[in-house]
C-alpha cells in the first residue's frame, strides 16, 4: 500500500485524526503510518478511546484535503469492517506552514520506554547515560515503535527477564519493526531469529537492525513458525490472542528447558485466561504479568523437560 498526498505545493499539511478503541489502536496506527508516510501521533487513552493522528501533505487549493480525507476514510472503513465495526468520523485540521514538513517531528523526542531503554528518532541526538541502551526508530514506520501498551509491556518483561537471566538464543515471532529483537541484542543475546509473514515488516526490521548496529546478531526472515528449527532460551511473541493460542504447541517445542516466553497483544480478562490455560497445559508457568489500559502481557517459564 502506498502513502497518499503529495508535497511541493503551497505548504499545506493536514492532520487527520480519529478516536479508536483499545483493541484497534495498533492496527489503525499501522495503517495511518503507511498512508501518511510521515508521523503518527498516538495520544493518551481517554474514556472516548485513543486518538490517532496522521500528517499528510496537500496541494489541493480549491478544497484542501477533500480527496485525501476521502481515501483515508475509505481505508479506515475497510479496516474497521474486518472487525465488524463502522469507522468513526475523521477530524481534519489544516496547517499552512512552510516548515510543517519537518515540524511534525517535534511530537517525537527520545523517550525512556522502559527503565534503562531509550527509543529515539533518527533526527534526535541522545547521549546515553551509563547503563542506558538506545534504540533508533522513526515513528513513521508501521508495525509499532513502542508507543502501544502491548509493545511497552513486552519490552518491560523481556528486558527485565534478560537482565536477571541472560539468554543465548531468542526467537521473536511477528517481529514488525524488529523492536523486541533489537532490544534483545542490546541486552547481549548472541543470536536472535526474528520472523514475520509480512514482507514489508521483514524489510523494515532488517533496515532497523542495520541502523542499530545489531544485524550481526539479528537474523530477520519471512519463514513460517513451523519451519523454525533449534531451541531457544527466550521467545517473544507480540501478536494477537488467536495466533498466540494456535501457535502455542510450536512455541513449546522450540523452547529450551527452563526457557522463557513473553506473550503480548492480549486483552485482559478472557483472552488472558485463554492464553494462560493453553500454555500451562503445555508445561509452562506464569512467573510475571503486566496490565496496562485494556492490555495484558505474560512472562512464562517452561517447567517440563
Protein backbone atom coordinates (compact mmCIF):
# COMPACT_ATOMS: atom_id res chain seq x y z
CA UNK A 1 0.00 0.00 0.00
CA UNK A 2 1.37 3.39 -1.00
CA UNK A 3 1.25 6.59 1.01
CA UNK A 4 -1.19 9.26 -0.12
CA UNK A 5 -0.85 13.02 -0.52
CA UNK A 6 1.84 14.96 -2.32
CA UNK A 7 4.21 17.69 -1.29
CA UNK A 8 5.78 20.60 -3.05
CA UNK A 9 2.74 22.88 -3.31
CA UNK A 10 1.54 25.62 -1.01
CA UNK A 11 2.98 24.03 2.13
CA UNK A 12 -0.44 22.93 3.33
CA UNK A 13 -0.50 19.97 5.68
CA UNK A 14 -3.44 18.03 7.02
CA UNK A 15 -3.66 16.46 10.44
CA UNK A 16 -6.28 13.71 10.13
CA UNK A 17 -7.42 12.17 13.41
CA UNK A 18 -9.88 9.61 14.72
CA UNK A 19 -10.78 8.06 18.07
CA UNK A 20 -10.37 4.28 18.21
CA UNK A 21 -10.99 1.58 20.84
CA UNK A 22 -8.03 -0.02 22.59
CA UNK A 23 -8.35 -3.23 20.58
CA UNK A 24 -7.73 -1.41 17.29
CA UNK A 25 -5.01 1.06 18.27
CA UNK A 26 -2.17 -0.94 16.77
CA UNK A 27 -3.97 -1.81 13.53
CA UNK A 28 -5.18 1.75 12.96
CA UNK A 29 -1.83 3.35 13.79
CA UNK A 30 -0.07 0.92 11.44
CA UNK A 31 -2.47 1.78 8.61
CA UNK A 32 -2.20 5.51 9.29
CA UNK A 33 1.61 5.27 9.21
CA UNK A 34 1.52 3.54 5.83
CA UNK A 35 -0.95 6.03 4.37
CA UNK A 36 0.81 9.16 5.60
CA UNK A 37 4.44 8.16 5.18
CA UNK A 38 5.20 10.80 7.83
CA UNK A 39 4.49 10.68 11.53
CA UNK A 40 1.70 9.11 13.52
CA UNK A 41 0.70 10.72 16.79
CA UNK A 42 -0.91 8.45 19.40
CA UNK A 43 -2.48 10.44 22.22
CA UNK A 44 -3.03 9.00 25.72
CA UNK A 45 -6.17 6.91 26.13
CA UNK A 46 -9.32 8.61 27.45
CA UNK A 47 -12.86 7.39 28.10
CA UNK A 48 -13.63 8.14 24.43
CA UNK A 49 -10.76 5.93 23.25
CA UNK A 50 -7.30 6.62 21.88
CA UNK A 51 -6.82 9.47 19.40
CA UNK A 52 -4.61 8.60 16.44
CA UNK A 53 -3.46 11.30 14.03
CA UNK A 54 -1.60 11.18 10.73
CA UNK A 55 0.08 14.04 8.86
CA UNK A 56 -0.48 14.44 5.11
CA UNK A 57 0.92 16.92 2.55
CA UNK A 58 -1.78 18.59 0.47
CA UNK A 59 -1.67 20.69 -2.73
CA UNK A 60 -5.41 20.98 -3.45
CA UNK A 61 -6.00 24.73 -3.17
CA UNK A 62 -9.70 24.63 -4.06
CA UNK A 63 -10.75 22.16 -1.38
CA UNK A 64 -7.74 21.31 0.79
CA UNK A 65 -7.62 17.68 1.72
CA UNK A 66 -11.01 16.57 0.36
CA UNK A 67 -9.58 13.73 -1.73
CA UNK A 68 -7.03 12.71 0.90
CA UNK A 69 -9.71 12.64 3.59
CA UNK A 70 -11.99 10.57 1.34
CA UNK A 71 -9.25 8.00 0.74
CA UNK A 72 -8.31 7.78 4.42
CA UNK A 73 -11.97 7.39 5.42
CA UNK A 74 -12.38 4.60 2.87
CA UNK A 75 -9.31 2.75 4.07
CA UNK A 76 -10.46 3.05 7.68
CA UNK A 77 -13.93 1.76 6.75
CA UNK A 78 -12.27 -1.27 5.13
CA UNK A 79 -10.15 -1.92 8.22
CA UNK A 80 -12.96 -1.47 10.74
CA UNK A 81 -15.18 -3.66 8.58
CA UNK A 82 -12.81 -6.57 9.13
CA UNK A 83 -13.68 -6.32 12.83
CA UNK A 84 -17.42 -5.92 12.25
CA UNK A 85 -17.34 -2.23 13.15
CA UNK A 86 -18.07 1.07 11.45
CA UNK A 87 -15.19 3.52 11.26
CA UNK A 88 -15.61 6.72 13.27
CA UNK A 89 -15.73 10.07 11.52
CA UNK A 90 -12.40 11.76 10.86
CA UNK A 91 -11.46 15.17 12.18
CA UNK A 92 -9.26 17.28 9.91
CA UNK A 93 -7.02 20.22 10.76
CA UNK A 94 -5.22 22.26 8.11
CA UNK A 95 -1.80 23.83 8.62
CA UNK A 96 -0.16 26.38 6.34
CA UNK A 97 3.42 26.25 7.45
CA UNK A 98 6.49 26.18 5.25
CA UNK A 99 8.25 24.24 7.97
CA UNK A 100 5.48 21.74 8.62
CA UNK A 101 7.19 19.06 6.53
CA UNK A 102 9.71 18.77 9.33
CA UNK A 103 7.98 20.46 12.25
CA UNK A 104 5.72 17.41 12.81
CA UNK A 105 8.86 15.86 14.24
CA UNK A 106 8.50 17.98 17.35
CA UNK A 107 5.91 15.48 18.55
CA UNK A 108 8.58 12.77 18.70
CA UNK A 109 11.52 13.06 21.08
CA UNK A 110 13.65 10.45 22.87
CA UNK A 111 11.58 8.57 25.44
CA UNK A 112 12.52 6.06 28.11
CA UNK A 113 10.13 3.33 27.05
CA UNK A 114 11.12 1.07 29.95
CA UNK A 115 13.72 1.76 32.64
CA UNK A 116 17.13 1.96 31.01
CA UNK A 117 15.88 1.59 27.42
CA UNK A 118 15.50 4.69 25.26
CA UNK A 119 13.66 4.90 21.93
CA UNK A 120 14.82 7.85 19.83
CA UNK A 121 14.03 9.08 16.31
CA UNK A 122 16.91 9.28 13.86
CA UNK A 123 16.94 13.09 13.77
CA UNK A 124 17.50 13.44 17.53
CA UNK A 125 20.88 13.23 19.20
CA UNK A 126 20.78 11.42 22.51
CA UNK A 127 23.92 10.94 24.64
CA UNK A 128 23.22 7.71 26.50
CA UNK A 129 23.88 7.74 30.22
CA UNK A 130 25.79 4.95 31.91
CA UNK A 131 23.79 1.75 31.80
CA UNK A 132 21.28 3.01 29.23
CA UNK A 133 20.61 1.30 25.92
CA UNK A 134 19.26 3.24 22.94
CA UNK A 135 17.16 2.06 20.00
CA UNK A 136 16.87 4.34 16.98
CA UNK A 137 13.47 4.02 15.35
CA UNK A 138 11.38 6.56 13.45
CA UNK A 139 7.66 7.00 14.20
CA UNK A 140 6.59 7.00 10.55
CA UNK A 141 7.13 3.25 10.36
CA UNK A 142 4.27 0.82 10.51
CA UNK A 143 4.26 -2.18 12.84
CA UNK A 144 4.91 -0.30 16.07
CA UNK A 145 7.73 1.73 17.59
CA UNK A 146 7.00 1.21 21.27
CA UNK A 147 4.08 3.63 21.57
CA UNK A 148 1.49 0.91 22.10
CA UNK A 149 0.82 -0.54 25.55
CA UNK A 150 1.38 -4.14 24.43
CA UNK A 151 4.79 -3.27 22.99
CA UNK A 152 5.83 -1.38 26.12
CA UNK A 153 4.84 -4.28 28.34
CA UNK A 154 6.56 -6.82 26.09
CA UNK A 155 9.74 -4.74 26.24
CA UNK A 156 9.48 -4.43 30.01
CA UNK A 157 9.03 -8.17 30.61
CA UNK A 158 11.68 -9.07 28.02
CA UNK A 159 14.40 -6.71 29.21
CA UNK A 160 13.67 -7.39 32.87
CA UNK A 161 14.00 -11.12 32.31
CA UNK A 162 17.18 -10.80 30.23
CA UNK A 163 18.77 -8.57 32.87
CA UNK A 164 18.21 -11.26 35.51
CA UNK A 165 18.51 -14.38 33.36
CA UNK A 166 20.69 -13.89 30.25
CA UNK A 167 19.70 -15.84 27.13
CA UNK A 168 21.94 -17.01 24.31
CA UNK A 169 19.27 -17.55 21.61
CA UNK A 170 15.92 -15.82 21.16
CA UNK A 171 13.03 -16.16 18.74
CA UNK A 172 10.91 -13.08 18.01
CA UNK A 173 7.62 -14.09 16.39
CA UNK A 174 5.79 -11.38 14.45
CA UNK A 175 8.75 -9.05 14.71
CA UNK A 176 7.17 -6.00 13.00
CA UNK A 177 9.76 -3.23 13.19
CA UNK A 178 12.13 -5.60 14.98
CA UNK A 179 11.95 -3.59 18.19
CA UNK A 180 11.93 -6.64 20.50
CA UNK A 181 14.69 -8.37 18.55
CA UNK A 182 16.87 -5.25 18.61
CA UNK A 183 16.29 -4.80 22.33
CA UNK A 184 17.30 -8.42 22.93
CA UNK A 185 20.53 -7.93 21.00
CA UNK A 186 21.29 -4.82 23.07
CA UNK A 187 20.78 -6.96 26.17
CA UNK A 188 23.52 -9.31 24.96
CA UNK A 189 21.51 -12.10 23.35
CA UNK A 190 24.06 -13.51 20.92
CA UNK A 191 21.61 -14.80 18.29
CA UNK A 192 18.09 -13.54 17.61
CA UNK A 193 15.86 -15.06 14.95
CA UNK A 194 13.11 -12.58 14.04
CA UNK A 195 10.28 -13.80 11.81
CA UNK A 196 7.24 -12.14 10.24
CA UNK A 197 4.87 -13.20 7.46
CA UNK A 198 4.62 -9.63 6.14
CA UNK A 199 7.37 -8.88 3.57
CA UNK A 200 7.26 -5.17 4.41
CA UNK A 201 7.81 -5.94 8.09
CA UNK A 202 10.81 -8.11 7.16
CA UNK A 203 12.27 -5.24 5.13
CA UNK A 204 11.70 -2.70 7.90
CA UNK A 205 13.10 -4.98 10.62
CA UNK A 206 16.22 -5.69 8.57
CA UNK A 207 16.74 -1.97 7.98
CA UNK A 208 16.30 -1.18 11.66
CA UNK A 209 18.71 -3.90 12.75
CA UNK A 210 21.35 -2.40 10.45
CA UNK A 211 20.67 1.14 11.69
CA UNK A 212 21.08 -0.04 15.27
CA UNK A 213 24.29 -1.96 14.54
CA UNK A 214 22.89 -5.33 15.60
CA UNK A 215 22.50 -7.00 12.21
CA UNK A 216 25.28 -9.41 13.13
CA UNK A 217 23.15 -10.77 15.96
CA UNK A 218 19.66 -10.45 14.44
CA UNK A 219 18.56 -12.64 11.54
CA UNK A 220 15.26 -11.46 10.03
CA UNK A 221 13.21 -13.89 7.96
CA UNK A 222 9.79 -14.36 6.44
CA UNK A 223 9.77 -18.06 7.33
CA UNK A 224 6.75 -19.71 8.92
CA UNK A 225 6.88 -20.70 12.58
CA UNK A 226 6.54 -24.35 11.52
CA UNK A 227 9.85 -24.09 9.63
CA UNK A 228 11.90 -22.72 12.53
CA UNK A 229 14.46 -25.17 13.89
CA UNK A 230 16.53 -25.35 17.05
CA UNK A 231 15.92 -24.49 20.69
CA UNK A 232 15.58 -21.01 22.15
CA UNK A 233 16.11 -19.92 25.73
CA UNK A 234 13.81 -16.92 25.15
CA UNK A 235 10.81 -16.49 22.86
CA UNK A 236 8.85 -13.26 22.41
CA UNK A 237 5.53 -13.00 20.59
CA UNK A 238 3.61 -9.72 20.49
CA UNK A 239 0.82 -10.64 18.11
CA UNK A 240 -2.89 -11.29 18.74
CA UNK A 241 -4.71 -13.71 21.00
CA UNK A 242 -5.91 -16.21 18.38
CA UNK A 243 -2.45 -16.60 16.85
CA UNK A 244 -0.79 -16.93 20.26
CA UNK A 245 -3.17 -19.76 21.12
CA UNK A 246 -2.87 -21.58 17.78
CA UNK A 247 0.93 -21.44 17.72
CA UNK A 248 1.38 -22.49 21.36
CA UNK A 249 2.43 -26.08 20.51
CA UNK A 250 5.07 -24.77 18.08
CA UNK A 251 6.49 -22.39 20.68
CA UNK A 252 6.55 -25.10 23.32
CA UNK A 253 8.58 -27.37 21.04
CA UNK A 254 11.06 -24.59 20.27
CA UNK A 255 11.55 -23.57 23.89
CA UNK A 256 14.64 -24.89 25.66
CA UNK A 257 14.33 -26.47 29.13
CA UNK A 258 13.73 -23.69 31.69
CA UNK A 259 13.30 -21.30 28.75
CA UNK A 260 11.04 -18.28 28.98
CA UNK A 261 8.28 -16.84 26.79
CA UNK A 262 6.91 -13.30 26.60
CA UNK A 263 3.36 -13.10 25.26
CA UNK A 264 1.73 -9.76 24.43
CA UNK A 265 -1.08 -8.39 22.30
CA UNK A 266 -3.65 -9.95 24.66
CA UNK A 267 -6.72 -8.26 26.11
CA UNK A 268 -7.28 -8.52 29.84
CA UNK A 269 -9.87 -10.99 31.00
CA UNK A 270 -10.99 -13.86 28.77
CA UNK A 271 -8.12 -13.64 26.27
CA UNK A 272 -5.55 -13.55 29.05
CA UNK A 273 -7.13 -16.55 30.78
CA UNK A 274 -7.28 -18.48 27.49
CA UNK A 275 -3.56 -17.97 26.91
CA UNK A 276 -2.68 -18.95 30.46
CA UNK A 277 -4.77 -22.12 30.23
CA UNK A 278 -3.29 -23.11 26.87
CA UNK A 279 0.35 -22.57 27.82
CA UNK A 280 0.05 -24.04 31.31
CA UNK A 281 -1.41 -27.14 29.67
CA UNK A 282 1.82 -27.40 27.69
CA UNK A 283 4.04 -27.27 30.76
CA UNK A 284 4.69 -23.54 31.13
CA UNK A 285 4.07 -21.49 34.25
CA UNK A 286 3.26 -17.78 34.52
CA UNK A 287 6.02 -16.09 36.52
CA UNK A 288 5.13 -12.46 35.84
CA UNK A 289 2.32 -10.44 34.29
CA UNK A 290 1.64 -6.81 33.43
CA UNK A 291 -1.55 -4.90 32.71
CA UNK A 292 -1.96 -1.50 31.07
CA UNK A 293 -5.15 0.02 29.71
CA UNK A 294 -7.09 -2.91 28.20
CA UNK A 295 -3.99 -4.99 27.61
CA UNK A 296 -2.13 -7.82 29.32
CA UNK A 297 1.33 -9.30 28.83
CA UNK A 298 2.69 -12.52 30.31
CA UNK A 299 6.10 -13.95 31.14
CA UNK A 300 6.09 -17.73 31.34
CA UNK A 301 8.77 -20.32 32.02
CA UNK A 302 8.97 -23.91 30.89
CA UNK A 303 8.74 -26.30 33.82
CA UNK A 304 8.91 -29.58 31.86
CA UNK A 305 11.93 -31.02 30.12
